[in-house]
């Protein structure tokens, strides 16, 4: 990547393999035909969407992600409800202990000071996008009956847009709690 090349970036929580498996199983049972399902390898909990940024900023952004992740407490997410917006279907999570929100707030502040992010007006919402559509799918689905997800890693992702939807590439990972 050239330093001035613009690439789409975001920071997110990485979900453990067992949770990805359960979410994909839940997708296949409850979200068939509602739109384009997000692929297993692309499921995550977004912390901060940065949009198109110069590739030369990746190292500084990764450094801030590492610092915020190292300071983070234990993140526990519990499935709460399925929700649709005008273009996506998502599974919303309860942030037990508010550690994910604290991490997101810390990261937002760090990225704002770096000059690469502007905080959204609406409060951060822990969720996984499972379905994308042009028109609201109108799906009603129960929350998955699954155990709490203990998240241990975050990542800086690059988003590649394509005809079949976006594909995400992990550029850097950062352990929560610095371990």
Protein backbone atom coordinates (compact mmCIF):
# COMPACT_ATOMS: atom_id res chain seq x y z
CA UNK A 1 0.00 0.00 0.00
CA UNK A 2 1.32 3.41 -0.94
CA UNK A 3 1.29 5.99 1.88
CA UNK A 4 -1.20 8.26 0.13
CA UNK A 5 -3.40 5.45 -1.24
CA UNK A 6 -6.88 5.75 0.33
CA UNK A 7 -8.24 2.61 1.94
CA UNK A 8 -11.45 1.94 3.90
CA UNK A 9 -10.68 1.15 7.54
CA UNK A 10 -12.51 0.21 10.72
CA UNK A 11 -11.68 -1.14 14.17
CA UNK A 12 -13.69 -4.00 15.62
CA UNK A 13 -13.95 -6.74 18.20
CA UNK A 14 -13.15 -10.19 16.82
CA UNK A 15 -15.55 -12.93 17.81
CA UNK A 16 -14.35 -16.42 18.85
CA UNK A 17 -14.79 -19.28 16.37
CA UNK A 18 -17.55 -21.01 18.38
CA UNK A 19 -19.59 -17.76 18.41
CA UNK A 20 -19.15 -17.32 14.65
CA UNK A 21 -20.38 -20.90 14.14
CA UNK A 22 -23.48 -20.29 16.27
CA UNK A 23 -24.26 -16.98 14.58
CA UNK A 24 -24.00 -18.57 11.12
CA UNK A 25 -26.32 -21.39 12.22
CA UNK A 26 -28.79 -18.81 13.57
CA UNK A 27 -28.55 -16.83 10.29
CA UNK A 28 -29.35 -19.90 8.22
CA UNK A 29 -32.44 -20.69 10.33
CA UNK A 30 -33.90 -17.20 10.78
CA UNK A 31 -32.62 -14.91 8.02
CA UNK A 32 -33.10 -16.95 4.83
CA UNK A 33 -34.32 -14.97 1.87
CA UNK A 34 -34.31 -11.67 3.72
CA UNK A 35 -31.32 -10.24 1.88
CA UNK A 36 -27.61 -10.96 1.56
CA UNK A 37 -26.23 -12.74 4.61
CA UNK A 38 -22.88 -11.50 5.89
CA UNK A 39 -20.22 -14.18 5.51
CA UNK A 40 -18.85 -15.95 8.59
CA UNK A 41 -15.36 -14.48 8.21
CA UNK A 42 -16.79 -10.95 8.02
CA UNK A 43 -18.82 -11.06 11.25
CA UNK A 44 -17.50 -8.66 13.92
CA UNK A 45 -18.57 -5.95 16.39
CA UNK A 46 -17.52 -2.57 14.99
CA UNK A 47 -15.84 -0.23 17.45
CA UNK A 48 -15.12 2.64 15.05
CA UNK A 49 -15.67 3.03 11.30
CA UNK A 50 -13.00 5.34 9.88
CA UNK A 51 -13.96 5.33 6.20
CA UNK A 52 -11.42 6.08 3.47
CA UNK A 53 -8.08 7.02 5.04
CA UNK A 54 -4.56 7.36 3.64
CA UNK A 55 -2.69 4.05 3.95
CA UNK A 56 0.14 5.94 5.62
CA UNK A 57 -2.06 6.34 8.73
CA UNK A 58 -2.41 2.58 9.34
CA UNK A 59 0.53 2.31 11.78
CA UNK A 60 -0.66 5.21 13.94
CA UNK A 61 -4.23 3.87 13.99
CA UNK A 62 -2.99 0.38 14.89
CA UNK A 63 -0.88 1.85 17.70
CA UNK A 64 -3.95 3.58 19.19
CA UNK A 65 -5.98 0.37 18.87
CA UNK A 66 -3.23 -1.55 20.71
CA UNK A 67 -3.15 1.07 23.50
CA UNK A 68 -6.93 1.09 23.93
CA UNK A 69 -7.13 -2.72 23.80
CA UNK A 70 -4.32 -3.10 26.36
CA UNK A 71 -6.25 -0.85 28.78
CA UNK A 72 -9.56 -2.67 28.22
CA UNK A 73 -11.30 -4.82 30.78
CA UNK A 74 -12.95 -8.17 30.16
CA UNK A 75 -15.58 -7.87 27.42
CA UNK A 76 -18.68 -10.03 27.79
CA UNK A 77 -21.47 -9.75 25.23
CA UNK A 78 -24.92 -11.35 25.61
CA UNK A 79 -27.37 -11.63 22.70
CA UNK A 80 -30.28 -9.27 23.31
CA UNK A 81 -32.43 -8.86 20.17
CA UNK A 82 -32.58 -8.84 16.39
CA UNK A 83 -33.10 -5.38 14.87
CA UNK A 84 -33.38 -3.95 11.37
CA UNK A 85 -32.43 -0.54 10.05
CA UNK A 86 -33.16 0.65 6.51
CA UNK A 87 -30.25 -1.38 5.07
CA UNK A 88 -29.07 -4.00 7.59
CA UNK A 89 -30.29 -6.66 9.98
CA UNK A 90 -28.27 -6.91 13.17
CA UNK A 91 -28.02 -8.80 16.39
CA UNK A 92 -27.78 -6.32 19.28
CA UNK A 93 -25.83 -7.35 22.37
CA UNK A 94 -25.96 -6.43 26.02
CA UNK A 95 -22.53 -5.22 27.12
CA UNK A 96 -22.29 -6.95 30.51
CA UNK A 97 -20.13 -4.78 32.75
CA UNK A 98 -19.88 -2.04 30.06
CA UNK A 99 -16.27 -2.98 29.19
CA UNK A 100 -16.95 -2.92 25.44
CA UNK A 101 -18.47 0.57 25.70
CA UNK A 102 -15.48 1.74 27.75
CA UNK A 103 -13.13 0.34 25.10
CA UNK A 104 -15.11 2.01 22.30
CA UNK A 105 -15.12 5.35 24.16
CA UNK A 106 -11.38 5.16 24.83
CA UNK A 107 -10.64 4.22 21.22
CA UNK A 108 -12.92 6.99 19.88
CA UNK A 109 -11.08 9.57 21.98
CA UNK A 110 -7.67 8.31 20.86
CA UNK A 111 -8.67 8.30 17.18
CA UNK A 112 -10.22 11.77 17.47
CA UNK A 113 -7.00 13.15 18.98
CA UNK A 114 -5.12 11.50 16.12
CA UNK A 115 -7.43 13.33 13.71
CA UNK A 116 -8.70 10.23 11.88
CA UNK A 117 -12.17 9.84 13.41
CA UNK A 118 -15.23 11.89 14.28
CA UNK A 119 -17.51 10.43 16.94
CA UNK A 120 -21.07 9.68 15.78
CA UNK A 121 -23.99 11.58 17.34
CA UNK A 122 -25.81 8.42 18.32
CA UNK A 123 -24.41 6.32 21.16
CA UNK A 124 -22.23 3.34 20.28
CA UNK A 125 -24.27 0.12 20.07
CA UNK A 126 -22.64 -3.30 20.39
CA UNK A 127 -24.01 -5.31 17.46
CA UNK A 128 -23.11 -7.75 14.69
CA UNK A 129 -24.47 -7.05 11.21
CA UNK A 130 -25.84 -10.35 9.90
CA UNK A 131 -27.90 -9.28 6.90
CA UNK A 132 -27.69 -6.54 4.23
CA UNK A 133 -30.56 -5.50 1.96
CA UNK A 134 -31.73 -2.73 -0.37
CA UNK A 135 -35.19 -2.63 1.19
CA UNK A 136 -35.95 -3.53 4.78
CA UNK A 137 -36.43 -7.28 4.96
CA UNK A 138 -39.11 -7.16 7.67
CA UNK A 139 -37.69 -10.21 9.43
CA UNK A 140 -38.78 -10.90 12.97
CA UNK A 141 -36.52 -13.34 14.76
CA UNK A 142 -35.83 -14.30 18.34
CA UNK A 143 -32.40 -13.62 19.81
CA UNK A 144 -30.12 -16.66 19.58
CA UNK A 145 -30.14 -18.94 22.57
CA UNK A 146 -26.39 -18.94 23.12
CA UNK A 147 -24.01 -18.37 26.00
CA UNK A 148 -22.21 -15.10 26.62
CA UNK A 149 -19.37 -14.24 24.28
CA UNK A 150 -16.09 -13.39 25.97
CA UNK A 151 -14.12 -11.31 23.49
CA UNK A 152 -10.32 -11.36 23.78
CA UNK A 153 -9.12 -9.62 20.60
CA UNK A 154 -9.74 -6.50 18.58
CA UNK A 155 -8.54 -5.78 15.07
CA UNK A 156 -7.93 -3.08 12.50
CA UNK A 157 -9.66 -4.10 9.28
CA UNK A 158 -9.46 -2.99 5.69
CA UNK A 159 -12.74 -3.13 3.78
CA UNK A 160 -12.63 -4.15 0.11
CA UNK A 161 -15.84 -3.23 -1.71
CA UNK A 162 -17.05 -5.56 -4.44
CA UNK A 163 -20.11 -6.68 -6.38
CA UNK A 164 -20.77 -9.46 -3.87
CA UNK A 165 -20.51 -7.09 -0.91
CA UNK A 166 -17.60 -5.96 1.18
CA UNK A 167 -14.82 -8.31 2.21
CA UNK A 168 -12.70 -7.57 5.24
CA UNK A 169 -8.97 -8.03 5.64
CA UNK A 170 -7.35 -7.99 9.09
CA UNK A 171 -4.35 -5.64 9.04
CA UNK A 172 -3.48 -5.81 12.74
CA UNK A 173 -4.84 -7.48 15.88
CA UNK A 174 -4.63 -6.35 19.50
CA UNK A 175 -5.29 -8.44 22.60
CA UNK A 176 -7.72 -7.03 25.14
CA UNK A 177 -6.14 -6.47 28.51
CA UNK A 178 -2.71 -6.54 26.90
CA UNK A 179 -2.33 -10.32 27.19
